N, C-alpha and C. Protein backbone atom coordinates (compact mmCIF):
# COMPACT_ATOMS: atom_id res chain seq x y z
N MET A 1 -126.34 89.82 -9.93
CA MET A 1 -126.88 90.22 -11.20
C MET A 1 -125.78 90.59 -12.19
N SER A 2 -124.72 91.19 -11.70
CA SER A 2 -123.64 91.57 -12.61
C SER A 2 -122.88 90.35 -13.13
N THR A 3 -122.82 89.27 -12.35
CA THR A 3 -122.14 88.08 -12.84
C THR A 3 -122.88 87.47 -14.02
N GLY A 4 -124.22 87.52 -13.98
CA GLY A 4 -124.99 87.04 -15.11
C GLY A 4 -124.73 87.88 -16.35
N ARG A 5 -124.61 89.18 -16.16
CA ARG A 5 -124.34 90.07 -17.28
C ARG A 5 -122.96 89.78 -17.86
N ARG A 6 -121.99 89.57 -16.97
CA ARG A 6 -120.64 89.26 -17.45
C ARG A 6 -120.62 87.95 -18.22
N SER A 7 -121.31 86.93 -17.71
CA SER A 7 -121.29 85.65 -18.41
C SER A 7 -122.04 85.75 -19.74
N LEU A 8 -123.12 86.56 -19.76
CA LEU A 8 -123.83 86.76 -21.01
C LEU A 8 -122.94 87.49 -22.00
N THR A 9 -122.24 88.51 -21.55
CA THR A 9 -121.32 89.23 -22.42
C THR A 9 -120.21 88.31 -22.89
N GLY A 10 -119.70 87.49 -21.96
CA GLY A 10 -118.66 86.54 -22.31
C GLY A 10 -119.14 85.54 -23.35
N SER A 11 -120.37 85.08 -23.21
CA SER A 11 -120.89 84.12 -24.19
C SER A 11 -121.13 84.78 -25.53
N ARG A 12 -121.54 86.05 -25.53
CA ARG A 12 -121.69 86.78 -26.78
C ARG A 12 -120.35 86.94 -27.47
N LYS A 13 -119.33 87.27 -26.68
CA LYS A 13 -117.99 87.41 -27.25
C LYS A 13 -117.51 86.08 -27.83
N ALA A 14 -117.77 85.01 -27.10
CA ALA A 14 -117.35 83.69 -27.57
C ALA A 14 -118.08 83.32 -28.86
N LEU A 15 -119.37 83.62 -28.91
CA LEU A 15 -120.13 83.35 -30.14
C LEU A 15 -119.61 84.19 -31.30
N ALA A 16 -119.36 85.46 -31.05
CA ALA A 16 -118.84 86.33 -32.10
C ALA A 16 -117.46 85.85 -32.56
N GLU A 17 -116.62 85.49 -31.60
CA GLU A 17 -115.28 85.00 -31.95
C GLU A 17 -115.36 83.74 -32.80
N ARG A 18 -116.26 82.87 -32.44
CA ARG A 18 -116.37 81.59 -33.15
C ARG A 18 -116.96 81.74 -34.55
N TRP A 19 -118.00 82.57 -34.68
CA TRP A 19 -118.77 82.60 -35.93
C TRP A 19 -118.49 83.78 -36.85
N HIS A 20 -117.72 84.77 -36.41
CA HIS A 20 -117.56 85.95 -37.27
C HIS A 20 -116.90 85.66 -38.61
N PRO A 21 -115.96 84.72 -38.74
CA PRO A 21 -115.40 84.49 -40.08
C PRO A 21 -116.44 84.03 -41.10
N ILE A 22 -117.26 83.07 -40.73
CA ILE A 22 -118.25 82.54 -41.67
C ILE A 22 -119.38 83.55 -41.91
N ILE A 23 -119.74 84.30 -40.89
CA ILE A 23 -120.78 85.32 -41.08
C ILE A 23 -120.32 86.38 -42.06
N PHE A 24 -119.08 86.87 -41.89
CA PHE A 24 -118.55 87.85 -42.84
C PHE A 24 -118.42 87.26 -44.24
N GLY A 25 -118.07 85.97 -44.32
CA GLY A 25 -117.99 85.30 -45.62
C GLY A 25 -119.34 85.26 -46.32
N PHE A 26 -120.38 84.90 -45.57
CA PHE A 26 -121.73 84.87 -46.15
C PHE A 26 -122.20 86.27 -46.54
N ILE A 27 -121.87 87.25 -45.74
CA ILE A 27 -122.26 88.63 -46.08
C ILE A 27 -121.60 89.06 -47.40
N ALA A 28 -120.31 88.77 -47.55
CA ALA A 28 -119.61 89.13 -48.79
C ALA A 28 -120.21 88.41 -49.99
N ALA A 29 -120.50 87.11 -49.83
CA ALA A 29 -121.09 86.35 -50.93
C ALA A 29 -122.47 86.89 -51.29
N LEU A 30 -123.25 87.23 -50.29
CA LEU A 30 -124.59 87.76 -50.52
C LEU A 30 -124.54 89.13 -51.19
N ILE A 31 -123.63 89.98 -50.74
CA ILE A 31 -123.48 91.29 -51.38
C ILE A 31 -123.13 91.13 -52.86
N TYR A 32 -122.22 90.20 -53.14
CA TYR A 32 -121.86 89.97 -54.55
C TYR A 32 -123.07 89.51 -55.35
N LEU A 33 -123.80 88.54 -54.82
CA LEU A 33 -124.95 88.01 -55.56
C LEU A 33 -126.06 89.05 -55.75
N LEU A 34 -126.27 89.88 -54.74
CA LEU A 34 -127.37 90.84 -54.83
C LEU A 34 -127.02 92.09 -55.63
N PHE A 35 -125.77 92.55 -55.53
CA PHE A 35 -125.45 93.86 -56.09
C PHE A 35 -124.38 93.86 -57.16
N LEU A 36 -123.53 92.87 -57.22
CA LEU A 36 -122.36 92.96 -58.09
C LEU A 36 -122.28 91.89 -59.17
N LYS A 37 -123.21 90.97 -59.21
CA LYS A 37 -123.09 89.86 -60.15
C LYS A 37 -123.21 90.28 -61.61
N SER A 38 -123.81 91.41 -61.86
CA SER A 38 -123.95 91.86 -63.25
C SER A 38 -122.67 92.48 -63.80
N TYR A 39 -121.74 92.83 -62.93
CA TYR A 39 -120.47 93.39 -63.39
C TYR A 39 -119.62 92.28 -64.00
N SER A 40 -118.94 92.61 -65.08
CA SER A 40 -118.07 91.60 -65.70
C SER A 40 -116.78 91.47 -64.89
N LEU A 41 -116.27 90.28 -64.87
CA LEU A 41 -115.05 90.00 -64.12
C LEU A 41 -113.83 90.55 -64.86
N PRO A 42 -112.81 90.94 -64.13
CA PRO A 42 -111.61 91.44 -64.81
C PRO A 42 -110.91 90.31 -65.56
N ASN A 43 -110.14 90.70 -66.57
CA ASN A 43 -109.41 89.70 -67.34
C ASN A 43 -108.36 88.98 -66.50
N ALA A 44 -107.90 89.63 -65.45
CA ALA A 44 -106.84 89.06 -64.61
C ALA A 44 -107.39 88.17 -63.49
N ILE A 45 -108.63 87.71 -63.63
CA ILE A 45 -109.22 86.90 -62.57
C ILE A 45 -108.44 85.60 -62.37
N ARG A 46 -107.89 85.06 -63.46
CA ARG A 46 -107.08 83.83 -63.34
C ARG A 46 -105.83 84.09 -62.51
N ASP A 47 -105.25 85.28 -62.65
CA ASP A 47 -104.07 85.62 -61.84
C ASP A 47 -104.45 85.71 -60.36
N LEU A 48 -105.63 86.21 -60.09
CA LEU A 48 -106.11 86.29 -58.71
C LEU A 48 -106.30 84.90 -58.11
N PHE A 49 -106.88 84.00 -58.89
CA PHE A 49 -107.04 82.62 -58.42
C PHE A 49 -105.68 81.97 -58.17
N SER A 50 -104.76 82.19 -59.07
CA SER A 50 -103.41 81.62 -58.92
C SER A 50 -102.72 82.17 -57.67
N ALA A 51 -102.83 83.48 -57.46
CA ALA A 51 -102.23 84.09 -56.27
C ALA A 51 -102.87 83.55 -55.00
N ALA A 52 -104.17 83.33 -55.03
CA ALA A 52 -104.87 82.79 -53.86
C ALA A 52 -104.34 81.40 -53.52
N ILE A 53 -104.08 80.59 -54.52
CA ILE A 53 -103.54 79.25 -54.27
C ILE A 53 -102.17 79.35 -53.60
N ASN A 54 -101.32 80.24 -54.10
CA ASN A 54 -99.99 80.43 -53.50
C ASN A 54 -100.09 80.92 -52.06
N ILE A 55 -100.97 81.88 -51.81
CA ILE A 55 -101.13 82.41 -50.45
C ILE A 55 -101.67 81.33 -49.52
N CYS A 56 -102.56 80.50 -50.02
CA CYS A 56 -103.09 79.40 -49.20
C CYS A 56 -101.98 78.43 -48.80
N ALA A 57 -101.10 78.12 -49.73
CA ALA A 57 -99.99 77.20 -49.43
C ALA A 57 -99.08 77.80 -48.37
N ILE A 58 -98.77 79.07 -48.50
CA ILE A 58 -97.92 79.74 -47.51
C ILE A 58 -98.62 79.77 -46.15
N THR A 59 -99.90 80.06 -46.16
CA THR A 59 -100.65 80.16 -44.92
C THR A 59 -100.74 78.82 -44.20
N VAL A 60 -100.96 77.76 -44.93
CA VAL A 60 -101.01 76.43 -44.30
C VAL A 60 -99.66 76.12 -43.66
N GLY A 61 -98.57 76.46 -44.32
CA GLY A 61 -97.24 76.28 -43.73
C GLY A 61 -97.06 77.09 -42.47
N PHE A 62 -97.50 78.34 -42.52
CA PHE A 62 -97.41 79.20 -41.34
C PHE A 62 -98.24 78.65 -40.19
N LEU A 63 -99.46 78.23 -40.48
CA LEU A 63 -100.33 77.72 -39.42
C LEU A 63 -99.79 76.42 -38.84
N GLY A 64 -99.24 75.58 -39.68
CA GLY A 64 -98.63 74.35 -39.18
C GLY A 64 -97.44 74.63 -38.29
N THR A 65 -96.62 75.60 -38.69
CA THR A 65 -95.48 75.99 -37.87
C THR A 65 -95.95 76.58 -36.55
N SER A 66 -96.98 77.39 -36.60
CA SER A 66 -97.52 77.98 -35.37
C SER A 66 -98.03 76.92 -34.42
N GLN A 67 -98.68 75.90 -34.96
CA GLN A 67 -99.15 74.80 -34.11
C GLN A 67 -97.96 74.08 -33.47
N SER A 68 -96.89 73.91 -34.23
CA SER A 68 -95.69 73.27 -33.67
C SER A 68 -95.12 74.09 -32.52
N ILE A 69 -95.09 75.40 -32.70
CA ILE A 69 -94.61 76.28 -31.63
C ILE A 69 -95.51 76.16 -30.41
N LEU A 70 -96.81 76.13 -30.65
CA LEU A 70 -97.76 75.99 -29.55
C LEU A 70 -97.52 74.70 -28.77
N LEU A 71 -97.25 73.63 -29.49
CA LEU A 71 -96.96 72.36 -28.81
C LEU A 71 -95.63 72.42 -28.06
N SER A 72 -94.66 73.13 -28.60
CA SER A 72 -93.35 73.18 -27.95
C SER A 72 -93.35 74.03 -26.69
N ILE A 73 -94.30 74.95 -26.58
CA ILE A 73 -94.38 75.77 -25.36
C ILE A 73 -95.48 75.27 -24.44
N GLY A 74 -95.82 74.00 -24.58
CA GLY A 74 -96.92 73.40 -23.82
C GLY A 74 -96.75 73.42 -22.31
N ASN A 75 -95.51 73.57 -21.83
CA ASN A 75 -95.31 73.58 -20.38
C ASN A 75 -95.33 74.98 -19.79
N LYS A 76 -95.52 76.00 -20.61
CA LYS A 76 -95.59 77.37 -20.07
C LYS A 76 -96.91 77.56 -19.33
N ARG A 77 -96.86 78.50 -18.41
CA ARG A 77 -98.02 78.76 -17.54
C ARG A 77 -99.25 79.14 -18.35
N VAL A 78 -99.09 79.97 -19.37
CA VAL A 78 -100.24 80.43 -20.13
C VAL A 78 -100.92 79.26 -20.86
N ILE A 79 -100.13 78.32 -21.35
CA ILE A 79 -100.71 77.16 -22.02
C ILE A 79 -101.43 76.27 -21.01
N GLN A 80 -100.85 76.11 -19.83
CA GLN A 80 -101.49 75.33 -18.78
C GLN A 80 -102.82 75.97 -18.37
N GLN A 81 -102.83 77.29 -18.33
CA GLN A 81 -104.08 78.00 -18.00
C GLN A 81 -105.12 77.80 -19.09
N LEU A 82 -104.69 77.85 -20.35
CA LEU A 82 -105.61 77.60 -21.46
C LEU A 82 -106.18 76.19 -21.37
N LYS A 83 -105.33 75.23 -21.07
CA LYS A 83 -105.79 73.85 -20.96
C LYS A 83 -106.75 73.68 -19.79
N SER A 84 -106.41 74.24 -18.65
CA SER A 84 -107.28 74.08 -17.48
C SER A 84 -108.61 74.81 -17.66
N GLY A 85 -108.61 75.90 -18.42
CA GLY A 85 -109.85 76.63 -18.67
C GLY A 85 -110.66 76.09 -19.82
N GLY A 86 -110.12 75.08 -20.53
CA GLY A 86 -110.84 74.50 -21.66
C GLY A 86 -110.70 75.29 -22.95
N TYR A 87 -109.78 76.25 -22.99
CA TYR A 87 -109.63 77.09 -24.17
C TYR A 87 -108.58 76.55 -25.14
N TYR A 88 -107.72 75.69 -24.68
CA TYR A 88 -106.66 75.15 -25.53
C TYR A 88 -107.25 74.38 -26.71
N ASP A 89 -108.23 73.54 -26.43
CA ASP A 89 -108.87 72.78 -27.51
C ASP A 89 -109.57 73.70 -28.50
N LYS A 90 -110.15 74.78 -27.99
CA LYS A 90 -110.80 75.75 -28.87
C LYS A 90 -109.77 76.40 -29.78
N LEU A 91 -108.61 76.72 -29.23
CA LEU A 91 -107.54 77.32 -30.03
C LEU A 91 -107.07 76.36 -31.11
N ILE A 92 -106.90 75.09 -30.76
CA ILE A 92 -106.51 74.09 -31.76
C ILE A 92 -107.60 73.96 -32.82
N ASP A 93 -108.87 74.01 -32.40
CA ASP A 93 -109.97 73.98 -33.37
C ASP A 93 -109.91 75.17 -34.30
N TYR A 94 -109.57 76.34 -33.78
CA TYR A 94 -109.44 77.53 -34.63
C TYR A 94 -108.31 77.36 -35.64
N PHE A 95 -107.20 76.76 -35.21
CA PHE A 95 -106.11 76.48 -36.13
C PHE A 95 -106.59 75.55 -37.25
N MET A 96 -107.26 74.48 -36.86
CA MET A 96 -107.72 73.50 -37.85
C MET A 96 -108.78 74.10 -38.77
N THR A 97 -109.65 74.94 -38.24
CA THR A 97 -110.65 75.60 -39.07
C THR A 97 -109.98 76.49 -40.10
N ALA A 98 -108.97 77.24 -39.69
CA ALA A 98 -108.24 78.10 -40.62
C ALA A 98 -107.56 77.27 -41.70
N ILE A 99 -106.98 76.14 -41.32
CA ILE A 99 -106.34 75.26 -42.31
C ILE A 99 -107.37 74.69 -43.28
N HIS A 100 -108.52 74.26 -42.75
CA HIS A 100 -109.56 73.72 -43.62
C HIS A 100 -110.08 74.77 -44.60
N TRP A 101 -110.30 75.99 -44.12
CA TRP A 101 -110.78 77.04 -45.02
C TRP A 101 -109.71 77.40 -46.05
N SER A 102 -108.46 77.28 -45.65
CA SER A 102 -107.37 77.54 -46.60
C SER A 102 -107.39 76.51 -47.73
N PHE A 103 -107.57 75.25 -47.37
CA PHE A 103 -107.67 74.21 -48.39
C PHE A 103 -108.91 74.41 -49.26
N THR A 104 -110.02 74.79 -48.65
CA THR A 104 -111.25 75.03 -49.42
C THR A 104 -111.05 76.18 -50.39
N LEU A 105 -110.39 77.24 -49.94
CA LEU A 105 -110.10 78.37 -50.83
C LEU A 105 -109.17 77.95 -51.95
N ALA A 106 -108.16 77.16 -51.65
CA ALA A 106 -107.23 76.70 -52.69
C ALA A 106 -107.95 75.84 -53.73
N ILE A 107 -108.82 74.95 -53.27
CA ILE A 107 -109.56 74.08 -54.20
C ILE A 107 -110.52 74.90 -55.05
N SER A 108 -111.23 75.84 -54.43
CA SER A 108 -112.16 76.67 -55.21
C SER A 108 -111.40 77.58 -56.17
N SER A 109 -110.21 78.02 -55.78
CA SER A 109 -109.38 78.83 -56.69
C SER A 109 -108.89 77.99 -57.86
N ALA A 110 -108.51 76.75 -57.59
CA ALA A 110 -108.08 75.84 -58.66
C ALA A 110 -109.23 75.58 -59.62
N PHE A 111 -110.43 75.42 -59.06
CA PHE A 111 -111.59 75.25 -59.92
C PHE A 111 -111.81 76.50 -60.77
N GLY A 112 -111.59 77.67 -60.16
CA GLY A 112 -111.74 78.92 -60.91
C GLY A 112 -110.75 79.04 -62.05
N LEU A 113 -109.61 78.39 -61.93
CA LEU A 113 -108.62 78.42 -63.00
C LEU A 113 -109.07 77.64 -64.23
N ILE A 114 -109.90 76.63 -64.05
CA ILE A 114 -110.31 75.82 -65.19
C ILE A 114 -111.63 76.28 -65.82
N VAL A 115 -112.32 77.19 -65.15
CA VAL A 115 -113.58 77.71 -65.69
C VAL A 115 -113.27 78.86 -66.64
N ASN A 116 -113.95 78.86 -67.77
CA ASN A 116 -113.79 79.95 -68.74
C ASN A 116 -114.81 81.04 -68.41
N PHE A 117 -114.33 82.09 -67.77
CA PHE A 117 -115.23 83.19 -67.38
C PHE A 117 -115.45 84.20 -68.50
N ASN A 118 -114.77 84.00 -69.65
CA ASN A 118 -114.97 84.91 -70.78
C ASN A 118 -116.32 84.68 -71.45
N GLN A 119 -116.82 83.44 -71.37
CA GLN A 119 -118.15 83.14 -71.89
C GLN A 119 -119.11 83.15 -70.71
N LYS A 120 -120.02 84.08 -70.73
CA LYS A 120 -120.96 84.24 -69.60
C LYS A 120 -121.87 83.02 -69.48
N GLU A 121 -121.96 82.53 -68.27
CA GLU A 121 -122.87 81.43 -67.93
C GLU A 121 -123.69 81.87 -66.72
N VAL A 122 -124.89 81.33 -66.57
CA VAL A 122 -125.75 81.74 -65.47
C VAL A 122 -125.20 81.29 -64.12
N TRP A 123 -124.37 80.28 -64.09
CA TRP A 123 -123.84 79.76 -62.83
C TRP A 123 -122.54 80.44 -62.42
N HIS A 124 -121.94 81.27 -63.25
CA HIS A 124 -120.70 81.96 -62.90
C HIS A 124 -120.82 82.81 -61.63
N PRO A 125 -121.89 83.59 -61.48
CA PRO A 125 -121.99 84.36 -60.22
C PRO A 125 -122.01 83.48 -58.97
N TRP A 126 -122.57 82.29 -59.07
CA TRP A 126 -122.59 81.39 -57.92
C TRP A 126 -121.19 80.89 -57.58
N ILE A 127 -120.39 80.64 -58.62
CA ILE A 127 -119.01 80.20 -58.40
C ILE A 127 -118.20 81.32 -57.74
N ILE A 128 -118.34 82.54 -58.26
CA ILE A 128 -117.61 83.67 -57.69
C ILE A 128 -118.09 83.96 -56.27
N SER A 129 -119.38 83.83 -56.05
CA SER A 129 -119.93 84.05 -54.72
C SER A 129 -119.38 83.03 -53.73
N PHE A 130 -119.31 81.76 -54.13
CA PHE A 130 -118.74 80.75 -53.26
C PHE A 130 -117.26 81.03 -53.01
N TRP A 131 -116.55 81.45 -54.04
CA TRP A 131 -115.13 81.77 -53.89
C TRP A 131 -114.95 82.93 -52.90
N LEU A 132 -115.80 83.94 -53.00
CA LEU A 132 -115.74 85.06 -52.05
C LEU A 132 -116.04 84.60 -50.63
N LEU A 133 -117.01 83.72 -50.48
CA LEU A 133 -117.31 83.14 -49.16
C LEU A 133 -116.05 82.48 -48.59
N CYS A 134 -115.39 81.68 -49.40
CA CYS A 134 -114.16 80.99 -48.96
C CYS A 134 -113.06 81.99 -48.65
N LEU A 135 -112.88 82.98 -49.51
CA LEU A 135 -111.82 83.97 -49.34
C LEU A 135 -111.99 84.76 -48.05
N ILE A 136 -113.16 85.28 -47.82
CA ILE A 136 -113.40 86.11 -46.65
C ILE A 136 -113.38 85.26 -45.38
N THR A 137 -113.98 84.09 -45.42
CA THR A 137 -113.98 83.22 -44.24
C THR A 137 -112.56 82.79 -43.89
N ALA A 138 -111.79 82.41 -44.89
CA ALA A 138 -110.40 82.02 -44.64
C ALA A 138 -109.60 83.18 -44.07
N THR A 139 -109.77 84.36 -44.64
CA THR A 139 -109.03 85.54 -44.18
C THR A 139 -109.34 85.85 -42.72
N PHE A 140 -110.60 85.86 -42.35
CA PHE A 140 -110.96 86.14 -40.96
C PHE A 140 -110.57 84.99 -40.03
N SER A 141 -110.55 83.77 -40.54
CA SER A 141 -110.06 82.64 -39.74
C SER A 141 -108.57 82.78 -39.46
N TYR A 142 -107.81 83.20 -40.48
CA TYR A 142 -106.38 83.45 -40.28
C TYR A 142 -106.17 84.53 -39.23
N TYR A 143 -106.92 85.62 -39.39
CA TYR A 143 -106.75 86.74 -38.47
C TYR A 143 -107.05 86.32 -37.03
N ARG A 144 -108.11 85.53 -36.85
CA ARG A 144 -108.49 85.08 -35.51
C ARG A 144 -107.36 84.28 -34.88
N VAL A 145 -106.77 83.36 -35.64
CA VAL A 145 -105.69 82.54 -35.11
C VAL A 145 -104.46 83.38 -34.81
N ILE A 146 -104.10 84.26 -35.72
CA ILE A 146 -102.91 85.10 -35.52
C ILE A 146 -103.10 85.99 -34.30
N LYS A 147 -104.28 86.56 -34.15
CA LYS A 147 -104.56 87.42 -33.00
C LYS A 147 -104.42 86.65 -31.69
N LEU A 148 -105.05 85.50 -31.60
CA LEU A 148 -104.99 84.70 -30.37
C LEU A 148 -103.57 84.18 -30.11
N PHE A 149 -102.91 83.77 -31.18
CA PHE A 149 -101.55 83.25 -31.02
C PHE A 149 -100.59 84.34 -30.56
N SER A 150 -100.75 85.54 -31.09
CA SER A 150 -99.88 86.64 -30.66
C SER A 150 -100.13 87.00 -29.20
N LEU A 151 -101.36 86.89 -28.73
CA LEU A 151 -101.65 87.12 -27.31
C LEU A 151 -100.92 86.10 -26.43
N ILE A 152 -100.90 84.87 -26.89
CA ILE A 152 -100.19 83.83 -26.13
C ILE A 152 -98.70 84.09 -26.10
N LEU A 153 -98.14 84.44 -27.26
CA LEU A 153 -96.69 84.68 -27.31
C LEU A 153 -96.28 85.90 -26.50
N ARG A 154 -97.17 86.88 -26.41
CA ARG A 154 -96.85 88.10 -25.64
C ARG A 154 -97.03 87.94 -24.14
N SER A 155 -97.78 86.94 -23.73
CA SER A 155 -98.03 86.78 -22.31
C SER A 155 -96.74 86.46 -21.58
N SER A 156 -96.61 87.06 -20.42
CA SER A 156 -95.38 86.83 -19.65
C SER A 156 -95.53 85.53 -18.87
N ASP A 157 -94.42 84.85 -18.72
CA ASP A 157 -94.43 83.58 -17.98
C ASP A 157 -93.35 83.57 -16.93
């Protein structure tokens, strides 16, 4: 009976690990739409979009470098264990998901740079809500990859 509980707990952890970035992204977008859309945006919103594009570029470089490191340590015991347990592909998927969300955030930020938010439009809250979804999802995707990657690098071999 305890093995079933452990596997259920393990599957819950795996589900939470897999879906928490997008869930938190949707929660942030929903909170904005429900409670904050009537607030006017700061004048420096364009600077925020510009900074997000720069951070995305840096992050994609970091994630690409991290993937290269992961490939270069492919013969270490911990990587072999990940591969034999079927977790290596999941880790690579997490890397690619983080890169994809980074590109999505950069594109939505670039779109935000060309929109004139000084003139109120009914669709502006939807744009900001989508941008928040991308921002929060990308951030938690980055964190997930960094956390797992640091565990691999810290493991003794």
